[in-house]
Amino acid sequence: KHVQQLVKEDYLRWDSLGEFLALAVSFEHLAQTTGNARAQVLADTLDRATGTFLNEDKSPSRKLGGIDNRGSHFYLALYWARELARQ
């Protein structure tokens, strides 16, 4: 259904929340195993950005006209950039 909707309506509703969370955990693992403080900053800020993303309900909508995959990635990037800027 996702592919059909993408081809027909140019609208991708794939929810990347799992990937966002996995990326944060990967940064955290890197930080812990190598002592890389920068990786820990990325993990912490991405975790907070994901929390904001969820609180603001910016996941893709199933229906055309709502936020799609591109929009949800935009908001995660925006929230992550804000968290990084606060460092």
C-alpha atoms as a PDB file:
ATOM      1  CA  LYS A   1       0.000   0.000   0.000  1.00  0.00           C
ATOM      2  CA  HIS A   2       2.846   2.404   0.767  1.00  0.00           C
ATOM      3  CA  VAL A   3       4.377   1.940  -2.687  1.00  0.00           C
ATOM      4  CA  GLN A   4       1.011   2.201  -4.424  1.00  0.00           C
ATOM      5  CA  GLN A   5       0.230   5.438  -2.619  1.00  0.00           C
ATOM      6  CA  LEU A   6       3.692   6.826  -3.404  1.00  0.00           C
ATOM      7  CA  VAL A   7       3.376   6.047  -7.113  1.00  0.00           C
ATOM      8  CA  LYS A   8      -0.220   7.240  -7.403  1.00  0.00           C
ATOM      9  CA  GLU A   9      -0.163  10.321  -5.153  1.00  0.00           C
ATOM     10  CA  ASP A  10       3.554  11.120  -4.611  1.00  0.00           C
ATOM     11  CA  TYR A  11       2.861  10.696  -0.911  1.00  0.00           C
ATOM     12  CA  LEU A  12       4.961   8.447   1.314  1.00  0.00           C
ATOM     13  CA  ARG A  13       3.518   7.718   4.733  1.00  0.00           C
ATOM     14  CA  TRP A  14       6.343   5.519   6.022  1.00  0.00           C
ATOM     15  CA  ASP A  15       6.897   6.217   9.707  1.00  0.00           C
ATOM     16  CA  SER A  16      10.637   6.372  10.429  1.00  0.00           C
ATOM     17  CA  LEU A  17      10.327   6.556  14.218  1.00  0.00           C
ATOM     18  CA  GLY A  18      12.067   3.207  14.605  1.00  0.00           C
ATOM     19  CA  GLU A  19      14.981   4.403  12.512  1.00  0.00           C
ATOM     20  CA  PHE A  20      15.235   7.637  14.521  1.00  0.00           C
ATOM     21  CA  LEU A  21      15.354   5.695  17.779  1.00  0.00           C
ATOM     22  CA  ALA A  22      17.853   3.171  16.402  1.00  0.00           C
ATOM     23  CA  LEU A  23      20.143   5.969  15.240  1.00  0.00           C
ATOM     24  CA  ALA A  24      20.136   7.562  18.694  1.00  0.00           C
ATOM     25  CA  VAL A  25      20.938   4.216  20.322  1.00  0.00           C
ATOM     26  CA  SER A  26      23.714   3.644  17.776  1.00  0.00           C
ATOM     27  CA  PHE A  27      25.285   6.990  18.646  1.00  0.00           C
ATOM     28  CA  GLU A  28      25.004   6.139  22.328  1.00  0.00           C
ATOM     29  CA  HIS A  29      26.654   2.755  21.801  1.00  0.00           C
ATOM     30  CA  LEU A  30      29.465   4.397  19.846  1.00  0.00           C
ATOM     31  CA  ALA A  31      29.969   6.925  22.628  1.00  0.00           C
ATOM     32  CA  GLN A  32      30.077   4.264  25.325  1.00  0.00           C
ATOM     33  CA  THR A  33      32.392   1.878  23.504  1.00  0.00           C
ATOM     34  CA  THR A  34      34.857   4.469  22.232  1.00  0.00           C
ATOM     35  CA  GLY A  35      34.549   7.279  24.754  1.00  0.00           C
ATOM     36  CA  ASN A  36      33.520   9.631  21.958  1.00  0.00           C
ATOM     37  CA  ALA A  37      31.864  12.591  23.697  1.00  0.00           C
ATOM     38  CA  ARG A  38      30.611  14.022  20.396  1.00  0.00           C
ATOM     39  CA  ALA A  39      28.698  10.836  19.674  1.00  0.00           C
ATOM     40  CA  GLN A  40      27.064  11.136  23.098  1.00  0.00           C
ATOM     41  CA  VAL A  41      25.977  14.693  22.281  1.00  0.00           C
ATOM     42  CA  LEU A  42      24.412  13.422  19.060  1.00  0.00           C
ATOM     43  CA  ALA A  43      22.652  10.628  20.965  1.00  0.00           C
ATOM     44  CA  ASP A  44      21.318  12.915  23.677  1.00  0.00           C
ATOM     45  CA  THR A  45      20.156  15.645  21.324  1.00  0.00           C
ATOM     46  CA  LEU A  46      18.526  13.191  18.923  1.00  0.00           C
ATOM     47  CA  ASP A  47      16.727  11.558  21.835  1.00  0.00           C
ATOM     48  CA  ARG A  48      15.333  14.921  22.974  1.00  0.00           C
ATOM     49  CA  ALA A  49      14.437  15.863  19.389  1.00  0.00           C
ATOM     50  CA  THR A  50      12.555  12.594  18.986  1.00  0.00           C
ATOM     51  CA  GLY A  51      10.644  13.357  22.172  1.00  0.00           C
ATOM     52  CA  THR A  52       9.627  16.736  20.785  1.00  0.00           C
ATOM     53  CA  PHE A  53       8.718  15.088  17.476  1.00  0.00           C
ATOM     54  CA  LEU A  54       6.357  12.736  19.312  1.00  0.00           C
ATOM     55  CA  ASN A  55       4.913  15.445  21.567  1.00  0.00           C
ATOM     56  CA  GLU A  56       4.195  17.647  18.555  1.00  0.00           C
ATOM     57  CA  ASP A  57       2.632  14.702  16.648  1.00  0.00           C
ATOM     58  CA  LYS A  58       4.720  15.091  13.497  1.00  0.00           C
ATOM     59  CA  SER A  59       4.531  11.470  12.355  1.00  0.00           C
ATOM     60  CA  PRO A  60       3.288  10.898   8.800  1.00  0.00           C
ATOM     61  CA  SER A  61      -0.449  10.889   8.268  1.00  0.00           C
ATOM     62  CA  ARG A  62      -2.087   7.999   6.445  1.00  0.00           C
ATOM     63  CA  LYS A  63      -4.163  10.371   4.345  1.00  0.00           C
ATOM     64  CA  LEU A  64      -3.083  12.668   1.545  1.00  0.00           C
ATOM     65  CA  GLY A  65      -2.882  16.263   2.699  1.00  0.00           C
ATOM     66  CA  GLY A  66      -1.239  15.572   6.035  1.00  0.00           C
ATOM     67  CA  ILE A  67       2.433  15.366   6.850  1.00  0.00           C
ATOM     68  CA  ASP A  68       4.199  12.721   4.785  1.00  0.00           C
ATOM     69  CA  ASN A  69       7.635  11.159   5.197  1.00  0.00           C
ATOM     70  CA  ARG A  70       9.371  14.265   3.872  1.00  0.00           C
ATOM     71  CA  GLY A  71       7.547  16.464   6.353  1.00  0.00           C
ATOM     72  CA  SER A  72       8.265  14.215   9.305  1.00  0.00           C
ATOM     73  CA  HIS A  73      11.973  14.144   8.428  1.00  0.00           C
ATOM     74  CA  PHE A  74      11.961  17.922   8.134  1.00  0.00           C
ATOM     75  CA  TYR A  75      10.531  18.285  11.630  1.00  0.00           C
ATOM     76  CA  LEU A  76      12.949  15.798  13.153  1.00  0.00           C
ATOM     77  CA  ALA A  77      15.859  17.647  11.519  1.00  0.00           C
ATOM     78  CA  LEU A  78      14.487  20.965  12.786  1.00  0.00           C
ATOM     79  CA  TYR A  79      14.072  19.719  16.353  1.00  0.00           C
ATOM     80  CA  TRP A  80      17.487  18.043  16.291  1.00  0.00           C
ATOM     81  CA  ALA A  81      19.151  21.204  14.993  1.00  0.00           C
ATOM     82  CA  ARG A  82      17.510  23.191  17.778  1.00  0.00           C
ATOM     83  CA  GLU A  83      18.770  20.727  20.385  1.00  0.00           C
ATOM     84  CA  LEU A  84      22.270  20.839  18.924  1.00  0.00           C
ATOM     85  CA  ALA A  85      22.222  24.639  18.927  1.00  0.00           C
ATOM     86  CA  ARG A  86      21.428  24.611  22.646  1.00  0.00           C
ATOM     87  CA  GLN A  87      24.699  22.802  23.376  1.00  0.00           C
END
